[in-house]
């Protein structure tokens, strides 16, 4: 919590040094909370958090190469979030009508986001980044499937957290590549990311 508050302050003030230092403590603190609060460790969730931490560290390093490697780490992390959700999803309780429309929703959202980003993105990154956001959207779908199959406070929190993660990644692309966008600093990115990761973990614990 303290690391997150410090990091958000540094993001608001655009203090790169303090932002870099505080960022590396956000996920380890969340991991500590998860390991002490849960009765049975979901190792898929644990791995997803480790990959998120690795992605955080890699994104601190300047350069497209490190941005790409960090993105790959997060993308694999989303796959592990999906596996973590799948362990607690009652697929038999999910109506067929809910499966495809959710996927279409995130495909359409990704299309409009990248249509807005297309003039600013390096061409080699356009399709890999779009794929990344689609996988984030798939992670959201599974979080919502869990909510539909078993609606309770835990699944609600995880679904909200996943949506915040999607918002965080989307805004990151604008901050990183479109300097004239509405998003000028990393504050909104890290606010939605930090709260999103926390709610995902808290929802899984509950």
C-alpha atoms as a PDB file:
ATOM      1  CA  UNK A   1       0.000   0.000   0.000  1.00  0.00           C
ATOM      2  CA  UNK A   2       2.761   2.462   0.970  1.00  0.00           C
ATOM      3  CA  UNK A   3       4.761   1.633  -2.166  1.00  0.00           C
ATOM      4  CA  UNK A   4       1.674   2.170  -4.321  1.00  0.00           C
ATOM      5  CA  UNK A   5       0.896   5.554  -2.767  1.00  0.00           C
ATOM      6  CA  UNK A   6       4.501   6.687  -3.211  1.00  0.00           C
ATOM      7  CA  UNK A   7       4.501   5.465  -6.789  1.00  0.00           C
ATOM      8  CA  UNK A   8       1.241   7.239  -7.607  1.00  0.00           C
ATOM      9  CA  UNK A   9       2.627  10.456  -6.137  1.00  0.00           C
ATOM     10  CA  UNK A  10       5.798  10.059  -8.221  1.00  0.00           C
ATOM     11  CA  UNK A  11       3.693   9.379 -11.324  1.00  0.00           C
ATOM     12  CA  UNK A  12       1.616  12.489 -10.730  1.00  0.00           C
ATOM     13  CA  UNK A  13       4.746  14.599 -10.265  1.00  0.00           C
ATOM     14  CA  UNK A  14       6.502  12.804 -13.155  1.00  0.00           C
ATOM     15  CA  UNK A  15       9.464  11.971 -10.921  1.00  0.00           C
ATOM     16  CA  UNK A  16      11.091   9.195 -12.973  1.00  0.00           C
ATOM     17  CA  UNK A  17      13.626   8.158 -10.331  1.00  0.00           C
ATOM     18  CA  UNK A  18      11.103   7.783  -7.521  1.00  0.00           C
ATOM     19  CA  UNK A  19       8.658   6.154  -9.903  1.00  0.00           C
ATOM     20  CA  UNK A  20      11.217   3.518 -10.903  1.00  0.00           C
ATOM     21  CA  UNK A  21      12.270   2.770  -7.326  1.00  0.00           C
ATOM     22  CA  UNK A  22       8.760   2.528  -5.890  1.00  0.00           C
ATOM     23  CA  UNK A  23       7.394   0.494  -8.806  1.00  0.00           C
ATOM     24  CA  UNK A  24       9.458  -2.590  -7.988  1.00  0.00           C
ATOM     25  CA  UNK A  25       7.802  -2.896  -4.546  1.00  0.00           C
ATOM     26  CA  UNK A  26       4.138  -2.865  -5.677  1.00  0.00           C
ATOM     27  CA  UNK A  27       3.737  -6.490  -6.799  1.00  0.00           C
ATOM     28  CA  UNK A  28       6.054  -8.009  -4.130  1.00  0.00           C
ATOM     29  CA  UNK A  29       3.859  -6.325  -1.486  1.00  0.00           C
ATOM     30  CA  UNK A  30       0.760  -7.756  -3.176  1.00  0.00           C
ATOM     31  CA  UNK A  31       2.392 -11.182  -3.323  1.00  0.00           C
ATOM     32  CA  UNK A  32       3.146 -10.983   0.387  1.00  0.00           C
ATOM     33  CA  UNK A  33      -0.486 -10.116   1.063  1.00  0.00           C
ATOM     34  CA  UNK A  34      -1.683 -13.020  -1.081  1.00  0.00           C
ATOM     35  CA  UNK A  35       0.603 -15.599   0.506  1.00  0.00           C
ATOM     36  CA  UNK A  36      -0.358 -14.604   4.042  1.00  0.00           C
ATOM     37  CA  UNK A  37      -4.095 -14.200   3.389  1.00  0.00           C
ATOM     38  CA  UNK A  38      -4.916 -17.262   1.283  1.00  0.00           C
ATOM     39  CA  UNK A  39      -5.514 -20.719   2.699  1.00  0.00           C
ATOM     40  CA  UNK A  40      -4.488 -22.594  -0.447  1.00  0.00           C
ATOM     41  CA  UNK A  41      -2.099 -21.077  -2.949  1.00  0.00           C
ATOM     42  CA  UNK A  42      -3.314 -20.939  -6.527  1.00  0.00           C
ATOM     43  CA  UNK A  43       0.027 -21.418  -8.283  1.00  0.00           C
ATOM     44  CA  UNK A  44      -1.310 -20.112 -11.572  1.00  0.00           C
ATOM     45  CA  UNK A  45      -2.221 -16.850  -9.851  1.00  0.00           C
ATOM     46  CA  UNK A  46       1.146 -16.800  -8.081  1.00  0.00           C
ATOM     47  CA  UNK A  47       2.937 -17.228 -11.430  1.00  0.00           C
ATOM     48  CA  UNK A  48       0.810 -14.500 -13.030  1.00  0.00           C
ATOM     49  CA  UNK A  49       1.882 -12.077 -10.289  1.00  0.00           C
ATOM     50  CA  UNK A  50       5.547 -13.027 -10.701  1.00  0.00           C
ATOM     51  CA  UNK A  51       5.264 -12.340 -14.443  1.00  0.00           C
ATOM     52  CA  UNK A  52       3.563  -9.013 -13.699  1.00  0.00           C
ATOM     53  CA  UNK A  53       6.478  -8.095 -11.447  1.00  0.00           C
ATOM     54  CA  UNK A  54       8.943  -9.060 -14.170  1.00  0.00           C
ATOM     55  CA  UNK A  55       6.970  -6.988 -16.679  1.00  0.00           C
ATOM     56  CA  UNK A  56       7.028  -4.002 -14.311  1.00  0.00           C
ATOM     57  CA  UNK A  57      10.805  -4.199 -13.981  1.00  0.00           C
ATOM     58  CA  UNK A  58      11.390  -4.582 -17.720  1.00  0.00           C
ATOM     59  CA  UNK A  59       9.151  -1.614 -18.569  1.00  0.00           C
ATOM     60  CA  UNK A  60      11.292   0.614 -16.357  1.00  0.00           C
ATOM     61  CA  UNK A  61      14.232   0.163 -18.750  1.00  0.00           C
ATOM     62  CA  UNK A  62      14.082   2.636 -21.668  1.00  0.00           C
ATOM     63  CA  UNK A  63      13.805   1.346 -25.206  1.00  0.00           C
ATOM     64  CA  UNK A  64      11.365  -0.462 -27.481  1.00  0.00           C
ATOM     65  CA  UNK A  65      13.196  -3.779 -26.979  1.00  0.00           C
ATOM     66  CA  UNK A  66      12.568  -3.774 -23.227  1.00  0.00           C
ATOM     67  CA  UNK A  67       9.017  -2.511 -23.725  1.00  0.00           C
ATOM     68  CA  UNK A  68       8.411  -5.488 -26.007  1.00  0.00           C
ATOM     69  CA  UNK A  69       9.968  -8.038 -23.641  1.00  0.00           C
ATOM     70  CA  UNK A  70       8.024  -6.558 -20.735  1.00  0.00           C
ATOM     71  CA  UNK A  71       4.847  -6.814 -22.779  1.00  0.00           C
ATOM     72  CA  UNK A  72       5.554 -10.479 -23.509  1.00  0.00           C
ATOM     73  CA  UNK A  73       5.972 -11.108 -19.780  1.00  0.00           C
ATOM     74  CA  UNK A  74       2.608  -9.479 -19.068  1.00  0.00           C
ATOM     75  CA  UNK A  75       0.992 -11.370 -21.957  1.00  0.00           C
ATOM     76  CA  UNK A  76       2.131 -14.722 -20.558  1.00  0.00           C
ATOM     77  CA  UNK A  77       0.949 -13.469 -17.168  1.00  0.00           C
ATOM     78  CA  UNK A  78      -2.545 -12.942 -18.609  1.00  0.00           C
ATOM     79  CA  UNK A  79      -2.519 -16.565 -19.776  1.00  0.00           C
ATOM     80  CA  UNK A  80      -1.768 -17.647 -16.212  1.00  0.00           C
ATOM     81  CA  UNK A  81      -4.559 -15.411 -14.889  1.00  0.00           C
ATOM     82  CA  UNK A  82      -6.883 -17.251 -17.288  1.00  0.00           C
ATOM     83  CA  UNK A  83      -5.679 -20.606 -15.928  1.00  0.00           C
ATOM     84  CA  UNK A  84      -6.165 -19.333 -12.369  1.00  0.00           C
ATOM     85  CA  UNK A  85      -9.753 -18.280 -13.109  1.00  0.00           C
ATOM     86  CA  UNK A  86     -10.473 -21.552 -14.948  1.00  0.00           C
ATOM     87  CA  UNK A  87      -9.805 -23.521 -11.753  1.00  0.00           C
ATOM     88  CA  UNK A  88     -12.762 -21.827 -10.066  1.00  0.00           C
ATOM     89  CA  UNK A  89     -15.190 -21.389 -12.980  1.00  0.00           C
ATOM     90  CA  UNK A  90     -18.337 -23.478 -13.186  1.00  0.00           C
ATOM     91  CA  UNK A  91     -18.634 -23.551 -16.982  1.00  0.00           C
ATOM     92  CA  UNK A  92     -21.857 -25.552 -16.810  1.00  0.00           C
ATOM     93  CA  UNK A  93     -23.523 -22.561 -15.137  1.00  0.00           C
ATOM     94  CA  UNK A  94     -22.593 -20.157 -17.948  1.00  0.00           C
ATOM     95  CA  UNK A  95     -25.262 -19.778 -20.669  1.00  0.00           C
ATOM     96  CA  UNK A  96     -24.037 -20.129 -24.241  1.00  0.00           C
ATOM     97  CA  UNK A  97     -25.282 -16.650 -25.133  1.00  0.00           C
ATOM     98  CA  UNK A  98     -22.749 -15.113 -22.739  1.00  0.00           C
ATOM     99  CA  UNK A  99     -19.647 -16.685 -24.281  1.00  0.00           C
ATOM    100  CA  UNK A 100     -19.357 -15.193 -27.765  1.00  0.00           C
ATOM    101  CA  UNK A 101     -20.785 -11.675 -27.153  1.00  0.00           C
ATOM    102  CA  UNK A 102     -18.206 -11.025 -24.429  1.00  0.00           C
ATOM    103  CA  UNK A 103     -15.387 -11.972 -26.781  1.00  0.00           C
ATOM    104  CA  UNK A 104     -16.855  -9.756 -29.514  1.00  0.00           C
ATOM    105  CA  UNK A 105     -17.083  -6.859 -27.036  1.00  0.00           C
ATOM    106  CA  UNK A 106     -13.356  -6.917 -26.310  1.00  0.00           C
ATOM    107  CA  UNK A 107     -12.467  -7.466 -29.968  1.00  0.00           C
ATOM    108  CA  UNK A 108     -14.464  -4.363 -30.897  1.00  0.00           C
ATOM    109  CA  UNK A 109     -12.922  -2.354 -28.043  1.00  0.00           C
ATOM    110  CA  UNK A 110      -9.429  -3.386 -29.166  1.00  0.00           C
ATOM    111  CA  UNK A 111     -10.258  -2.454 -32.766  1.00  0.00           C
ATOM    112  CA  UNK A 112     -11.298   1.092 -31.848  1.00  0.00           C
ATOM    113  CA  UNK A 113      -8.344   1.591 -29.492  1.00  0.00           C
ATOM    114  CA  UNK A 114      -5.846   0.570 -32.143  1.00  0.00           C
ATOM    115  CA  UNK A 115      -7.591   2.503 -34.870  1.00  0.00           C
ATOM    116  CA  UNK A 116      -6.957   5.593 -32.733  1.00  0.00           C
ATOM    117  CA  UNK A 117      -3.364   4.518 -32.057  1.00  0.00           C
ATOM    118  CA  UNK A 118      -2.429   3.491 -35.603  1.00  0.00           C
ATOM    119  CA  UNK A 119      -0.915   6.865 -36.678  1.00  0.00           C
ATOM    120  CA  UNK A 120       1.430   6.855 -33.663  1.00  0.00           C
ATOM    121  CA  UNK A 121       2.587   3.254 -33.292  1.00  0.00           C
ATOM    122  CA  UNK A 122       5.760   1.856 -34.870  1.00  0.00           C
ATOM    123  CA  UNK A 123       4.543  -0.513 -37.622  1.00  0.00           C
ATOM    124  CA  UNK A 124       6.394  -3.590 -36.264  1.00  0.00           C
ATOM    125  CA  UNK A 125       4.601  -3.183 -32.919  1.00  0.00           C
ATOM    126  CA  UNK A 126       1.068  -2.611 -34.192  1.00  0.00           C
ATOM    127  CA  UNK A 127      -0.133  -6.211 -34.526  1.00  0.00           C
ATOM    128  CA  UNK A 128       1.841  -7.638 -31.557  1.00  0.00           C
ATOM    129  CA  UNK A 129       0.389  -4.940 -29.291  1.00  0.00           C
ATOM    130  CA  UNK A 130      -3.108  -5.554 -30.651  1.00  0.00           C
ATOM    131  CA  UNK A 131      -2.659  -9.269 -29.939  1.00  0.00           C
ATOM    132  CA  UNK A 132      -1.527  -8.428 -26.424  1.00  0.00           C
ATOM    133  CA  UNK A 133      -4.644  -6.371 -25.736  1.00  0.00           C
ATOM    134  CA  UNK A 134      -6.847  -9.116 -27.189  1.00  0.00           C
ATOM    135  CA  UNK A 135      -5.304 -11.593 -24.743  1.00  0.00           C
ATOM    136  CA  UNK A 136      -5.938  -9.112 -21.950  1.00  0.00           C
ATOM    137  CA  UNK A 137      -9.536  -9.017 -23.195  1.00  0.00           C
ATOM    138  CA  UNK A 138      -9.666 -12.819 -23.105  1.00  0.00           C
ATOM    139  CA  UNK A 139      -8.439 -12.694 -19.506  1.00  0.00           C
ATOM    140  CA  UNK A 140     -11.348 -10.315 -18.813  1.00  0.00           C
ATOM    141  CA  UNK A 141     -13.774 -12.717 -20.471  1.00  0.00           C
ATOM    142  CA  UNK A 142     -12.743 -15.533 -18.140  1.00  0.00           C
ATOM    143  CA  UNK A 143     -13.025 -13.245 -15.108  1.00  0.00           C
ATOM    144  CA  UNK A 144     -16.561 -12.356 -16.194  1.00  0.00           C
ATOM    145  CA  UNK A 145     -17.370 -16.018 -16.925  1.00  0.00           C
ATOM    146  CA  UNK A 146     -16.459 -16.722 -13.313  1.00  0.00           C
ATOM    147  CA  UNK A 147     -18.801 -13.920 -12.225  1.00  0.00           C
ATOM    148  CA  UNK A 148     -21.683 -15.232 -14.359  1.00  0.00           C
ATOM    149  CA  UNK A 149     -21.181 -18.799 -13.165  1.00  0.00           C
ATOM    150  CA  UNK A 150     -20.841 -17.892  -9.497  1.00  0.00           C
ATOM    151  CA  UNK A 151     -21.922 -14.309  -8.720  1.00  0.00           C
ATOM    152  CA  UNK A 152     -20.585 -13.345  -5.297  1.00  0.00           C
ATOM    153  CA  UNK A 153     -18.317 -10.647  -3.865  1.00  0.00           C
ATOM    154  CA  UNK A 154     -15.100 -12.442  -4.825  1.00  0.00           C
ATOM    155  CA  UNK A 155     -15.990 -12.915  -8.491  1.00  0.00           C
ATOM    156  CA  UNK A 156     -17.319  -9.341  -8.677  1.00  0.00           C
ATOM    157  CA  UNK A 157     -14.047  -7.918  -7.357  1.00  0.00           C
ATOM    158  CA  UNK A 158     -11.934 -10.039  -9.711  1.00  0.00           C
ATOM    159  CA  UNK A 159     -14.007  -8.989 -12.726  1.00  0.00           C
ATOM    160  CA  UNK A 160     -13.691  -5.310 -11.790  1.00  0.00           C
ATOM    161  CA  UNK A 161      -9.950  -5.772 -11.291  1.00  0.00           C
ATOM    162  CA  UNK A 162      -9.586  -7.382 -14.726  1.00  0.00           C
ATOM    163  CA  UNK A 163     -11.458  -4.492 -16.363  1.00  0.00           C
ATOM    164  CA  UNK A 164      -9.170  -2.009 -14.616  1.00  0.00           C
ATOM    165  CA  UNK A 165      -6.170  -3.937 -15.934  1.00  0.00           C
ATOM    166  CA  UNK A 166      -7.585  -3.572 -19.456  1.00  0.00           C
ATOM    167  CA  UNK A 167      -8.050   0.165 -18.907  1.00  0.00           C
ATOM    168  CA  UNK A 168      -4.503   0.454 -17.572  1.00  0.00           C
ATOM    169  CA  UNK A 169      -2.937  -1.276 -20.578  1.00  0.00           C
ATOM    170  CA  UNK A 170      -5.027   0.745 -23.026  1.00  0.00           C
ATOM    171  CA  UNK A 171      -4.019   4.059 -21.458  1.00  0.00           C
ATOM    172  CA  UNK A 172      -0.370   2.953 -21.312  1.00  0.00           C
ATOM    173  CA  UNK A 173      -0.275   2.670 -25.098  1.00  0.00           C
ATOM    174  CA  UNK A 174      -1.558   6.238 -25.460  1.00  0.00           C
ATOM    175  CA  UNK A 175       0.881   7.671 -22.908  1.00  0.00           C
ATOM    176  CA  UNK A 176       3.793   5.800 -24.441  1.00  0.00           C
ATOM    177  CA  UNK A 177       3.139   6.551 -28.096  1.00  0.00           C
ATOM    178  CA  UNK A 178       0.694   9.473 -28.446  1.00  0.00           C
ATOM    179  CA  UNK A 179       2.009  12.485 -26.587  1.00  0.00           C
ATOM    180  CA  UNK A 180      -1.049  14.527 -27.583  1.00  0.00           C
ATOM    181  CA  UNK A 181      -3.560  12.142 -26.010  1.00  0.00           C
ATOM    182  CA  UNK A 182      -5.751  12.874 -23.012  1.00  0.00           C
ATOM    183  CA  UNK A 183      -3.430  10.768 -20.831  1.00  0.00           C
ATOM    184  CA  UNK A 184      -0.320  12.817 -20.052  1.00  0.00           C
ATOM    185  CA  UNK A 185       1.261  10.959 -17.129  1.00  0.00           C
ATOM    186  CA  UNK A 186       1.495   7.416 -15.791  1.00  0.00           C
ATOM    187  CA  UNK A 187      -0.823   8.251 -12.867  1.00  0.00           C
ATOM    188  CA  UNK A 188      -4.018   6.823 -14.391  1.00  0.00           C
ATOM    189  CA  UNK A 189      -2.086   3.822 -15.754  1.00  0.00           C
ATOM    190  CA  UNK A 190      -0.683   2.899 -12.365  1.00  0.00           C
ATOM    191  CA  UNK A 191      -3.843   3.783 -10.431  1.00  0.00           C
ATOM    192  CA  UNK A 192      -5.954   1.376 -12.498  1.00  0.00           C
ATOM    193  CA  UNK A 193      -3.145  -1.206 -12.636  1.00  0.00           C
ATOM    194  CA  UNK A 194      -2.494  -1.227  -8.879  1.00  0.00           C
ATOM    195  CA  UNK A 195      -6.153  -1.320  -7.912  1.00  0.00           C
ATOM    196  CA  UNK A 196      -6.867  -3.845 -10.669  1.00  0.00           C
ATOM    197  CA  UNK A 197      -4.175  -6.297  -9.541  1.00  0.00           C
ATOM    198  CA  UNK A 198      -5.251  -5.907  -5.909  1.00  0.00           C
ATOM    199  CA  UNK A 199      -8.922  -6.565  -6.694  1.00  0.00           C
ATOM    200  CA  UNK A 200      -8.041  -9.608  -8.817  1.00  0.00           C
ATOM    201  CA  UNK A 201      -6.044 -11.078  -5.947  1.00  0.00           C
ATOM    202  CA  UNK A 202      -8.579 -10.139  -3.269  1.00  0.00           C
ATOM    203  CA  UNK A 203     -11.393 -11.602  -5.349  1.00  0.00           C
ATOM    204  CA  UNK A 204      -9.485 -14.859  -5.767  1.00  0.00           C
ATOM    205  CA  UNK A 205      -8.807 -15.057  -2.027  1.00  0.00           C
ATOM    206  CA  UNK A 206     -12.471 -14.555  -1.223  1.00  0.00           C
END
